[in-house]
Amino acid sequence: MSKHESTRRDFIKAVSLGAASLAVSPSQAKEGNSLLVVDPEPRFDLSPYLYMQFMEPLGTTDGSVAAAWDFKRDRWRQDVLDVTKRLAPSLIRWGGCFVSYYRWKEAVGPRDQRKPMLNLCWGGIETNQVGTHEFVDFCHQTGADPLICVNFESDGRKHWQRSPKGDIRTAGPREAAEWVRYCNAPDCKERRKHGVAKPYNVHLWQIGNETSYDRNAFDCETAAKHTIAFAKAMRKEDPNIGLIGWGDSGWARQMLEIAGEHLQYVAFHHMFNPDRNLPNSPLRGIEYRKDPAWTWERLMNAHKVHEAKIKRVRQEVADCPVPLALTECHFALPGRNRCEVLSTWAAGVANARLLNVHERHGDRLKIATLADFCGTRWQVNAVMIPVPRGKSYMMPVALVTSLYRHHTGNKAVDVNKTPQDLDVTASRSGDRIYLHVVNTNRERSATARLVINSMKITSGRVFELAADPEFEVIETQPNQIVPVEKSLPQNGRWTFPPASVSAVELNVQQA
């Protein structure tokens, strides 16, 4: 298509869309600012991996894996499995800083023969009772695809290459390739010897975790060259795997220039405090209890900081077709992961806004998370695991993630008009339109009349999460906030409560 033809086509489309937006009925014109108008034309594919989680043995810091495992029965805790199925992550990643000193062969085979290890980053002893087989089994039981992060020569960090007891903890391309073979080769003798005949079929693998965060370790050029060596070795064992390279801290473009032909994704992380430069921020410890209104204001602005990070990475690789993978992301507030405000419903609403940011960038962002998945104490966990007793439950970030995950389309569509206070994204699967609606006002409801350009709404359902923004999700009151299903009236008008997150499903047909 010539440049002239493309320009003419874009002009005609713009005029047509403008005409469609003007072609409203008299009743719609009277409603004015209460209209919520959606253009149903698909724009780009939305990846199901925008709802991933990641699992990392966090030692004495947070009992994420050890607490989820029932050591008496040698199986995953049933309550953890049950709540994870409700959360319904599409993808679960094994890894984090832990993999920089993880030797995977120590955690496979008979459990009584597995070798414990020092958890060099998070403290304590890791028993390795949970390894490759157990992790993949957890994914299979909960309906998630597995993603494994490999030991990338300790990401160049010398202090993790050898333990204080003298153990070599670094691993190169050969060990990563052997891991791929163990997981995916139908004829792998070692896996078969361990009693597993069928391959695990782990398709996604990440090379490097936060490699750029240590200035005394690899530089980007070195990391990229090593990435190529890992990719070639791993693909020799399985040519069909998808590989994720590391690209944060301004590395993305150079990484892709050097190693891009070997990668399907480039990864970055974002653990952030939106008020990092605000000395008296209420997002510290228990300060939020002193001024709920100001806390709400600060949380509702957090999406701007997050979107700015995504835009920076996008700009770096604007002319590269490789998708982005946000394989770790969450709030990192003073008090770090124990900041109590993250247990409040206000934080749930703020996280819903972050999910909307992910959807808006879904043309390039194909893998993303907003939590540390599970654990015993960090408020950034999606799932909290009470110990020694009690049932696991979803934190506010998980409540909104689960809602979106269960009610979303596979194609992004545009939202052309929204009433004040509503943050809205839209998607589509066939003749069903999905809306993700956040009422960003903590005190005032917002009424909207739902309109799908050139289409008629034949029926609709609303799945609503709403609560007092100050309500705290804790072990003694874990299930007070649940989705409430309601039917949309025939006139298409709906009132979204203050501080609410809603998923709307609309069945439509051509008008």
Protein backbone atom coordinates (compact mmCIF):
# COMPACT_ATOMS: atom_id res chain seq x y z
CA MET A 1 0.00 0.00 0.00
CA SER A 2 1.39 3.44 -0.93
CA LYS A 3 1.82 6.23 1.61
CA HIS A 4 -0.90 8.20 -0.22
CA GLU A 5 -3.35 5.27 -0.09
CA SER A 6 -2.60 4.68 3.60
CA THR A 7 -3.15 8.35 4.42
CA ARG A 8 -6.43 8.39 2.45
CA ARG A 9 -7.61 5.21 4.21
CA ASP A 10 -6.77 6.64 7.65
CA PHE A 11 -8.61 9.87 6.74
CA ILE A 12 -11.74 8.01 5.63
CA LYS A 13 -11.65 5.89 8.79
CA ALA A 14 -11.28 8.99 10.97
CA VAL A 15 -14.19 10.69 9.23
CA SER A 16 -16.32 7.55 9.55
CA LEU A 17 -15.56 7.24 13.24
CA GLY A 18 -16.32 10.89 13.71
CA ALA A 19 -19.62 10.49 11.94
CA ALA A 20 -20.44 7.45 14.05
CA SER A 21 -19.75 9.37 17.24
CA LEU A 22 -21.98 12.18 16.03
CA ALA A 23 -24.76 9.85 14.97
CA VAL A 24 -26.32 9.61 18.40
CA SER A 25 -30.00 9.58 19.15
CA PRO A 26 -31.73 12.61 20.72
CA SER A 27 -31.93 10.75 24.02
CA GLN A 28 -28.19 10.08 23.91
CA ALA A 29 -27.51 13.73 23.19
CA LYS A 30 -29.45 14.74 26.30
CA GLU A 31 -27.42 12.35 28.44
CA GLY A 32 -24.21 14.11 27.42
CA ASN A 33 -21.42 13.40 29.90
CA SER A 34 -23.06 10.26 31.28
CA LEU A 35 -22.36 8.26 28.10
CA LEU A 36 -19.85 5.43 28.09
CA VAL A 37 -19.18 4.81 24.40
CA VAL A 38 -17.23 1.87 22.97
CA ASP A 39 -15.96 1.34 19.41
CA PRO A 40 -16.28 -2.45 18.89
CA GLU A 41 -13.70 -2.71 16.08
CA PRO A 42 -10.85 -4.97 17.30
CA ARG A 43 -7.50 -3.18 17.62
CA PHE A 44 -4.99 -5.81 18.78
CA ASP A 45 -4.78 -9.18 20.51
CA LEU A 46 -4.81 -9.19 24.30
CA SER A 47 -2.52 -11.84 25.75
CA PRO A 48 -3.91 -14.11 28.49
CA TYR A 49 -0.45 -13.84 30.07
CA LEU A 50 -1.32 -10.34 31.33
CA TYR A 51 -2.56 -12.27 34.38
CA MET A 52 0.58 -14.17 35.37
CA GLN A 53 2.04 -14.81 38.82
CA PHE A 54 5.52 -15.79 39.91
CA MET A 55 6.69 -18.19 42.59
CA GLU A 56 10.08 -17.91 44.27
CA PRO A 57 11.42 -19.68 47.38
CA LEU A 58 11.93 -16.67 49.67
CA GLY A 59 13.58 -18.40 52.60
CA THR A 60 13.15 -16.71 55.97
CA THR A 61 11.85 -13.53 54.32
CA ASP A 62 8.43 -14.83 53.33
CA GLY A 63 7.36 -18.48 53.38
CA SER A 64 6.09 -18.44 49.82
CA VAL A 65 6.94 -22.00 48.72
CA ALA A 66 7.66 -23.82 51.97
CA ALA A 67 4.39 -22.57 53.49
CA ALA A 68 2.40 -23.70 50.46
CA TRP A 69 3.79 -27.24 50.65
CA ASP A 70 2.26 -29.85 52.97
CA PHE A 71 5.40 -31.61 54.25
CA LYS A 72 3.40 -34.19 56.20
CA ARG A 73 1.67 -35.46 53.07
CA ASP A 74 4.27 -34.52 50.43
CA ARG A 75 1.86 -32.45 48.39
CA TRP A 76 0.66 -28.90 47.88
CA ARG A 77 -1.69 -27.55 50.53
CA GLN A 78 -5.23 -28.01 49.28
CA ASP A 79 -6.32 -24.55 50.47
CA VAL A 80 -3.49 -22.98 48.42
CA LEU A 81 -4.55 -24.95 45.35
CA ASP A 82 -8.19 -23.98 45.85
CA VAL A 83 -7.56 -20.25 46.15
CA THR A 84 -5.10 -20.32 43.24
CA LYS A 85 -7.73 -21.92 41.03
CA ARG A 86 -10.03 -19.01 41.87
CA LEU A 87 -7.26 -16.55 41.09
CA ALA A 88 -6.73 -18.48 37.82
CA PRO A 89 -3.26 -17.28 36.80
CA SER A 90 -2.60 -17.94 33.13
CA LEU A 91 1.15 -18.35 33.68
CA ILE A 92 3.33 -18.98 36.74
CA ARG A 93 7.04 -18.19 36.74
CA TRP A 94 9.60 -20.15 38.75
CA GLY A 95 12.43 -17.87 39.71
CA GLY A 96 13.61 -14.47 40.79
CA CYS A 97 16.88 -13.59 42.53
CA PHE A 98 16.85 -17.15 43.87
CA VAL A 99 17.75 -18.61 40.47
CA SER A 100 21.10 -16.80 40.42
CA TYR A 101 22.41 -19.46 42.81
CA TYR A 102 19.93 -22.28 42.09
CA ARG A 103 21.20 -25.63 40.79
CA TRP A 104 18.11 -27.35 39.47
CA LYS A 105 19.49 -30.90 39.70
CA GLU A 106 19.58 -30.62 43.50
CA ALA A 107 15.77 -30.42 43.48
CA VAL A 108 14.73 -33.36 41.28
CA GLY A 109 14.47 -37.08 41.89
CA PRO A 110 13.66 -38.86 45.18
CA ARG A 111 13.04 -36.29 47.91
CA ASP A 112 15.10 -38.10 50.51
CA GLN A 113 18.11 -37.72 48.22
CA ARG A 114 17.73 -34.05 47.41
CA LYS A 115 20.44 -31.65 48.52
CA PRO A 116 19.48 -28.67 50.74
CA MET A 117 21.04 -25.30 49.91
CA LEU A 118 21.76 -21.96 51.51
CA ASN A 119 19.29 -19.33 50.33
CA LEU A 120 21.92 -16.66 49.71
CA CYS A 121 19.54 -13.78 49.05
CA TRP A 122 16.55 -14.46 51.29
CA GLY A 123 18.16 -16.30 54.20
CA GLY A 124 17.80 -19.73 55.76
CA ILE A 125 18.08 -23.22 54.28
CA GLU A 126 16.10 -24.24 51.21
CA THR A 127 15.22 -27.94 51.46
CA ASN A 128 14.59 -28.40 47.72
CA GLN A 129 11.60 -30.59 48.55
CA VAL A 130 9.83 -28.45 45.97
CA GLY A 131 11.61 -28.53 42.62
CA THR A 132 10.88 -28.81 38.92
CA HIS A 133 8.38 -31.67 39.18
CA GLU A 134 6.43 -30.10 42.04
CA PHE A 135 6.36 -26.66 40.41
CA VAL A 136 5.07 -27.98 37.08
CA ASP A 137 2.54 -30.13 38.94
CA PHE A 138 1.26 -27.02 40.72
CA CYS A 139 0.85 -25.28 37.35
CA HIS A 140 -1.00 -28.25 35.88
CA GLN A 141 -3.32 -28.53 38.90
CA THR A 142 -4.21 -24.83 38.77
CA GLY A 143 -4.51 -24.53 34.99
CA ALA A 144 -1.47 -22.29 34.49
CA ASP A 145 1.34 -22.56 31.96
CA PRO A 146 4.84 -22.84 33.50
CA LEU A 147 7.66 -20.35 32.92
CA ILE A 148 11.15 -21.16 34.22
CA CYS A 149 13.94 -18.67 34.83
CA VAL A 150 17.40 -20.24 34.51
CA ASN A 151 20.63 -19.63 36.42
CA PHE A 152 22.31 -17.13 34.09
CA GLU A 153 25.88 -17.47 35.38
CA SER A 154 24.61 -15.90 38.63
CA ASP A 155 23.70 -12.85 36.51
CA GLY A 156 27.36 -11.88 36.79
CA ARG A 157 27.11 -11.36 40.56
CA LYS A 158 30.31 -12.71 42.10
CA HIS A 159 28.84 -12.87 45.63
CA TRP A 160 26.32 -15.46 44.42
CA GLN A 161 28.71 -17.61 42.40
CA ARG A 162 29.98 -19.47 45.46
CA SER A 163 28.33 -20.06 48.83
CA PRO A 164 30.11 -19.28 52.13
CA LYS A 165 30.53 -23.04 52.52
CA GLY A 166 32.39 -23.29 49.22
CA ASP A 167 29.62 -24.68 46.96
CA ILE A 168 29.71 -23.53 43.34
CA ARG A 169 26.35 -21.84 42.74
CA THR A 170 26.79 -20.41 39.25
CA ALA A 171 25.64 -22.28 36.14
CA GLY A 172 26.16 -21.80 32.41
CA PRO A 173 24.50 -22.63 29.08
CA ARG A 174 25.05 -26.37 29.41
CA GLU A 175 23.13 -26.63 32.69
CA ALA A 176 20.29 -24.54 31.29
CA ALA A 177 20.16 -26.75 28.19
CA GLU A 178 20.08 -29.89 30.34
CA TRP A 179 17.13 -28.41 32.23
CA VAL A 180 15.29 -27.88 28.94
CA ARG A 181 16.02 -31.47 27.98
CA TYR A 182 14.87 -32.77 31.37
CA CYS A 183 11.57 -30.91 30.99
CA ASN A 184 10.82 -31.34 27.31
CA ALA A 185 12.60 -34.30 25.72
CA PRO A 186 10.25 -37.31 25.39
CA ASP A 187 13.22 -39.69 25.73
CA CYS A 188 14.99 -38.00 28.69
CA LYS A 189 16.45 -40.92 30.65
CA GLU A 190 17.00 -38.92 33.84
CA ARG A 191 13.40 -37.74 34.07
CA ARG A 192 12.14 -41.24 33.28
CA LYS A 193 14.39 -42.64 36.01
CA HIS A 194 12.63 -40.25 38.37
CA GLY A 195 9.29 -41.82 37.49
CA VAL A 196 8.01 -39.24 34.97
CA ALA A 197 7.55 -40.70 31.49
CA LYS A 198 5.76 -37.80 29.82
CA PRO A 199 7.62 -34.52 29.22
CA TYR A 200 6.59 -31.45 31.19
CA ASN A 201 6.46 -29.34 28.01
CA VAL A 202 7.72 -26.09 29.50
CA HIS A 203 7.50 -23.69 26.56
CA LEU A 204 8.64 -20.39 28.11
CA TRP A 205 12.11 -19.78 29.60
CA GLN A 206 13.69 -16.60 30.91
CA ILE A 207 17.42 -15.96 30.56
CA GLY A 208 18.61 -13.54 33.22
CA ASN A 209 16.83 -12.01 36.20
CA GLU A 210 17.48 -8.36 37.09
CA THR A 211 20.89 -8.74 35.47
CA SER A 212 21.27 -4.98 35.04
CA TYR A 213 20.63 -4.11 38.70
CA ASP A 214 24.20 -4.78 39.89
CA ARG A 215 26.72 -2.34 38.42
CA ASN A 216 29.58 -4.60 39.47
CA ALA A 217 28.24 -7.52 37.43
CA PHE A 218 27.60 -7.92 33.68
CA ASP A 219 27.35 -4.93 31.38
CA CYS A 220 24.70 -5.08 28.67
CA GLU A 221 27.01 -6.16 25.86
CA THR A 222 28.43 -9.00 27.94
CA ALA A 223 24.97 -10.11 29.06
CA ALA A 224 23.70 -10.04 25.46
CA LYS A 225 26.57 -12.19 24.19
CA HIS A 226 26.01 -14.68 27.01
CA THR A 227 22.29 -14.64 26.21
CA ILE A 228 23.09 -15.82 22.68
CA ALA A 229 25.19 -18.69 24.07
CA PHE A 230 22.36 -19.75 26.40
CA ALA A 231 19.75 -19.45 23.66
CA LYS A 232 21.72 -21.60 21.21
CA ALA A 233 22.37 -24.30 23.81
CA MET A 234 18.79 -24.37 25.04
CA ARG A 235 17.28 -24.40 21.55
CA LYS A 236 19.52 -27.28 20.58
CA GLU A 237 17.51 -29.36 23.05
CA ASP A 238 14.13 -27.92 22.02
CA PRO A 239 13.92 -25.62 18.98
CA ASN A 240 10.33 -24.68 19.82
CA ILE A 241 10.80 -23.00 23.19
CA GLY A 242 10.11 -19.28 23.67
CA LEU A 243 12.95 -17.28 25.24
CA ILE A 244 12.82 -14.10 27.29
CA GLY A 245 15.92 -11.90 27.51
CA TRP A 246 16.67 -9.20 30.08
CA GLY A 247 16.21 -5.56 29.04
CA ASP A 248 15.60 -3.28 32.04
CA SER A 249 17.68 -0.22 33.08
CA GLY A 250 17.95 1.00 29.50
CA TRP A 251 19.28 -2.33 28.20
CA ALA A 252 16.33 -3.29 26.02
CA ARG A 253 17.47 -1.80 22.73
CA GLN A 254 21.09 -3.00 22.90
CA MET A 255 20.00 -6.44 24.07
CA LEU A 256 17.72 -6.76 21.05
CA GLU A 257 20.29 -5.35 18.65
CA ILE A 258 22.80 -8.02 19.72
CA ALA A 259 20.63 -10.99 20.70
CA GLY A 260 17.18 -10.11 19.36
CA GLU A 261 17.04 -12.83 16.72
CA HIS A 262 17.21 -15.42 19.52
CA LEU A 263 14.48 -13.90 21.73
CA GLN A 264 10.69 -13.91 21.69
CA TYR A 265 10.32 -11.37 24.53
CA VAL A 266 12.39 -8.79 26.38
CA ALA A 267 11.82 -8.54 30.14
CA PHE A 268 11.76 -5.68 32.62
CA HIS A 269 10.58 -5.31 36.22
CA HIS A 270 8.88 -2.54 38.16
CA MET A 271 8.75 -2.61 41.95
CA PHE A 272 7.82 0.95 42.68
CA ASN A 273 6.80 3.55 45.24
CA PRO A 274 4.69 6.23 43.52
CA ASP A 275 5.50 8.66 46.35
CA ARG A 276 9.24 8.08 46.41
CA ASN A 277 9.91 11.84 46.30
CA LEU A 278 7.11 12.85 48.69
CA PRO A 279 8.59 12.96 52.25
CA ASN A 280 5.24 13.06 54.06
CA SER A 281 3.43 10.50 51.93
CA PRO A 282 0.66 8.55 53.67
CA LEU A 283 1.86 5.42 51.84
CA ARG A 284 4.24 4.50 54.66
CA GLY A 285 3.72 1.95 57.42
CA ILE A 286 0.36 2.75 59.03
CA GLU A 287 0.30 6.44 58.09
CA TYR A 288 -2.64 5.80 55.76
CA ARG A 289 -4.96 5.45 58.75
CA LYS A 290 -4.45 9.10 59.68
CA ASP A 291 -5.81 10.59 56.45
CA PRO A 292 -7.81 8.14 54.29
CA ALA A 293 -8.77 10.80 51.73
CA TRP A 294 -5.16 11.77 51.04
CA THR A 295 -4.16 8.11 50.95
CA TRP A 296 -6.83 7.49 48.33
CA GLU A 297 -5.60 10.44 46.26
CA ARG A 298 -2.01 9.18 46.31
CA LEU A 299 -3.03 5.61 45.40
CA MET A 300 -5.22 6.80 42.53
CA ASN A 301 -2.19 8.56 41.02
CA ALA A 302 0.07 5.50 41.18
CA HIS A 303 -0.89 4.36 37.68
CA LYS A 304 0.86 7.42 36.23
CA VAL A 305 4.22 6.34 37.61
CA HIS A 306 3.70 2.79 36.40
CA GLU A 307 2.62 3.82 32.91
CA ALA A 308 5.61 6.14 32.63
CA LYS A 309 7.93 3.16 33.16
CA ILE A 310 6.16 1.11 30.50
CA LYS A 311 6.28 4.03 28.06
CA ARG A 312 10.04 4.44 28.61
CA VAL A 313 10.67 0.79 27.76
CA ARG A 314 8.34 0.99 24.77
CA GLN A 315 10.16 4.03 23.47
CA GLU A 316 13.52 2.25 23.72
CA VAL A 317 12.31 -0.54 21.44
CA ALA A 318 9.78 1.38 19.38
CA ASP A 319 11.15 0.08 16.09
CA CYS A 320 11.65 -3.51 17.32
CA PRO A 321 8.80 -6.02 17.00
CA VAL A 322 9.74 -8.08 20.09
CA PRO A 323 6.97 -8.08 22.76
CA LEU A 324 7.54 -6.93 26.34
CA ALA A 325 7.39 -9.15 29.44
CA LEU A 326 6.85 -7.56 32.86
CA THR A 327 7.79 -10.68 34.80
CA GLU A 328 7.88 -8.99 38.22
CA CYS A 329 5.91 -5.96 39.33
CA HIS A 330 4.28 -4.67 42.50
CA PHE A 331 4.08 -1.74 44.89
CA ALA A 332 7.23 -1.36 47.00
CA LEU A 333 6.18 1.07 49.72
CA PRO A 334 8.20 2.18 52.79
CA GLY A 335 8.01 -0.66 55.25
CA ARG A 336 8.69 -2.45 51.97
CA ASN A 337 6.49 -5.44 51.45
CA ARG A 338 4.96 -5.19 54.92
CA CYS A 339 3.27 -1.85 54.27
CA GLU A 340 -0.22 -2.35 55.71
CA VAL A 341 -2.01 -0.07 53.26
CA LEU A 342 -1.68 -2.84 50.68
CA SER A 343 -4.23 -4.91 52.59
CA THR A 344 -6.90 -2.21 52.12
CA TRP A 345 -9.56 -2.16 49.45
CA ALA A 346 -8.15 1.22 48.35
CA ALA A 347 -5.03 -0.65 47.22
CA GLY A 348 -7.24 -3.10 45.34
CA VAL A 349 -8.81 -0.25 43.37
CA ALA A 350 -5.34 1.19 42.69
CA ASN A 351 -4.17 -2.17 41.36
CA ALA A 352 -7.21 -2.34 39.07
CA ARG A 353 -6.02 0.92 37.52
CA LEU A 354 -2.61 -0.69 36.96
CA LEU A 355 -4.32 -3.62 35.23
CA ASN A 356 -6.08 -1.13 32.96
CA VAL A 357 -2.67 0.33 32.10
CA HIS A 358 -1.48 -3.14 31.13
CA GLU A 359 -4.48 -3.60 28.84
CA ARG A 360 -3.93 -0.25 27.12
CA HIS A 361 -0.37 -1.29 26.34
CA GLY A 362 -1.40 -4.81 25.39
CA ASP A 363 -0.28 -4.33 21.80
CA ARG A 364 3.33 -4.65 23.04
CA LEU A 365 2.99 -5.86 26.63
CA LYS A 366 2.24 -9.59 26.43
CA ILE A 367 3.32 -10.88 29.86
CA ALA A 368 2.64 -9.03 33.12
CA THR A 369 2.04 -9.45 36.84
CA LEU A 370 1.20 -7.23 39.82
CA ALA A 371 2.10 -9.39 42.83
CA ASP A 372 4.54 -11.81 44.45
CA PHE A 373 1.86 -14.51 44.23
CA CYS A 374 1.86 -16.27 47.62
CA GLY A 375 3.46 -16.07 51.04
CA THR A 376 3.02 -15.70 54.77
CA ARG A 377 3.68 -12.03 55.49
CA TRP A 378 4.36 -9.71 52.54
CA GLN A 379 1.39 -7.50 51.74
CA VAL A 380 2.37 -7.56 48.05
CA ASN A 381 1.38 -11.22 47.86
CA ALA A 382 -1.66 -12.09 45.78
CA VAL A 383 -2.40 -15.03 48.08
CA MET A 384 -1.78 -14.94 51.82
CA ILE A 385 -1.01 -18.27 53.50
CA PRO A 386 -1.78 -18.34 57.23
CA VAL A 387 0.62 -20.50 59.27
CA PRO A 388 0.59 -22.81 61.08
CA ARG A 389 -3.17 -23.08 60.55
CA GLY A 390 -5.91 -21.27 58.69
CA LYS A 391 -7.08 -21.13 55.09
CA SER A 392 -5.33 -19.18 52.35
CA TYR A 393 -7.11 -16.14 50.98
CA MET A 394 -6.78 -13.53 48.25
CA MET A 395 -5.39 -10.08 48.98
CA PRO A 396 -6.97 -7.00 47.30
CA VAL A 397 -4.58 -7.18 44.32
CA ALA A 398 -5.69 -10.76 43.72
CA LEU A 399 -9.39 -9.90 44.03
CA VAL A 400 -9.23 -7.46 41.12
CA THR A 401 -6.87 -9.67 39.10
CA SER A 402 -9.21 -12.62 39.46
CA LEU A 403 -12.21 -10.50 38.46
CA TYR A 404 -10.51 -9.29 35.29
CA ARG A 405 -9.12 -12.72 34.47
CA HIS A 406 -12.58 -14.32 34.53
CA HIS A 407 -14.26 -11.56 32.51
CA THR A 408 -12.11 -10.39 29.62
CA GLY A 409 -11.99 -10.61 25.85
CA ASN A 410 -9.16 -11.59 23.52
CA LYS A 411 -9.21 -8.43 21.38
CA ALA A 412 -8.74 -4.89 22.65
CA VAL A 413 -11.29 -2.29 21.53
CA ASP A 414 -11.42 1.48 22.05
CA VAL A 415 -13.37 3.38 24.67
CA ASN A 416 -14.30 6.68 23.00
CA LYS A 417 -16.09 8.40 25.84
CA THR A 418 -16.39 7.92 29.60
CA PRO A 419 -18.20 9.76 32.38
CA GLN A 420 -16.11 11.66 34.90
CA ASP A 421 -14.29 9.52 37.53
CA LEU A 422 -14.51 6.30 35.53
CA ASP A 423 -11.33 4.57 34.29
CA VAL A 424 -12.49 2.13 31.61
CA THR A 425 -10.89 -0.39 29.27
CA ALA A 426 -12.73 -2.61 26.82
CA SER A 427 -12.17 -5.86 24.97
CA ARG A 428 -14.10 -8.25 22.79
CA SER A 429 -14.52 -11.93 22.02
CA GLY A 430 -16.95 -12.56 19.17
CA ASP A 431 -20.30 -10.95 19.95
CA ARG A 432 -19.46 -10.18 23.56
CA ILE A 433 -17.97 -6.90 24.77
CA TYR A 434 -16.16 -6.73 28.10
CA LEU A 435 -15.65 -3.57 30.15
CA HIS A 436 -13.28 -3.16 33.08
CA VAL A 437 -14.56 -0.17 35.02
CA VAL A 438 -12.88 1.53 37.98
CA ASN A 439 -14.72 4.27 39.85
CA THR A 440 -11.83 6.40 41.06
CA ASN A 441 -14.02 8.51 43.35
CA ARG A 442 -14.04 7.22 46.93
CA GLU A 443 -17.31 8.94 47.89
CA ARG A 444 -19.45 9.47 44.80
CA SER A 445 -21.12 6.95 42.51
CA ALA A 446 -21.03 7.42 38.73
CA THR A 447 -23.94 6.69 36.41
CA ALA A 448 -23.29 5.77 32.81
CA ARG A 449 -25.36 4.79 29.81
CA LEU A 450 -23.50 2.09 27.91
CA VAL A 451 -23.36 2.52 24.13
CA ILE A 452 -21.59 0.27 21.59
CA ASN A 453 -21.18 2.10 18.29
CA SER A 454 -23.20 0.52 15.44
CA MET A 455 -24.32 -2.33 17.70
CA LYS A 456 -27.25 -3.15 19.93
CA ILE A 457 -26.83 -4.47 23.45
CA THR A 458 -29.15 -7.47 23.75
CA SER A 459 -28.28 -8.32 27.37
CA GLY A 460 -25.63 -7.63 29.95
CA ARG A 461 -24.24 -8.63 33.32
CA VAL A 462 -22.19 -6.67 35.84
CA PHE A 463 -19.76 -8.33 38.26
CA GLU A 464 -19.08 -5.80 40.97
CA LEU A 465 -16.47 -5.48 43.70
CA ALA A 466 -17.19 -2.66 46.12
CA ALA A 467 -16.26 -1.87 49.72
CA ASP A 468 -15.19 0.87 52.07
CA PRO A 469 -11.73 1.93 50.84
CA GLU A 470 -10.41 1.58 54.40
CA PHE A 471 -11.58 -2.01 54.77
CA GLU A 472 -8.61 -4.32 55.37
CA VAL A 473 -8.48 -7.86 54.04
CA ILE A 474 -6.94 -9.93 56.84
CA GLU A 475 -7.14 -13.49 58.14
CA THR A 476 -10.14 -12.81 60.41
CA GLN A 477 -12.14 -11.23 57.56
CA PRO A 478 -10.78 -12.71 54.33
CA ASN A 479 -13.94 -13.15 52.27
CA GLN A 480 -15.93 -9.97 52.83
CA ILE A 481 -15.24 -8.58 49.36
CA VAL A 482 -16.63 -10.87 46.66
CA PRO A 483 -17.98 -10.21 43.15
CA VAL A 484 -21.71 -9.56 43.11
CA GLU A 485 -23.43 -10.44 39.84
CA LYS A 486 -26.25 -8.18 38.64
CA SER A 487 -28.25 -7.87 35.42
CA LEU A 488 -27.94 -4.79 33.23
CA PRO A 489 -31.30 -3.02 32.62
CA GLN A 490 -32.60 -2.86 29.06
CA ASN A 491 -31.93 0.88 28.91
CA GLY A 492 -28.21 0.22 29.37
CA ARG A 493 -27.87 2.60 32.30
CA TRP A 494 -25.73 1.57 35.21
CA THR A 495 -24.56 3.21 38.42
CA PHE A 496 -21.07 2.27 39.53
CA PRO A 497 -20.65 2.60 43.31
CA PRO A 498 -17.86 4.73 44.77
CA ALA A 499 -14.48 3.02 45.11
CA SER A 500 -15.64 0.08 43.02
CA VAL A 501 -14.15 -2.22 40.39
CA SER A 502 -16.57 -3.82 37.94
CA ALA A 503 -16.39 -6.23 35.03
CA VAL A 504 -19.24 -5.80 32.57
CA GLU A 505 -20.21 -8.41 29.98
CA LEU A 506 -22.38 -7.21 27.10
CA ASN A 507 -23.93 -9.44 24.47
CA VAL A 508 -24.24 -7.43 21.26
CA GLN A 509 -25.50 -7.68 17.69
CA GLN A 510 -25.37 -5.41 14.65
CA ALA A 511 -27.82 -2.55 14.96
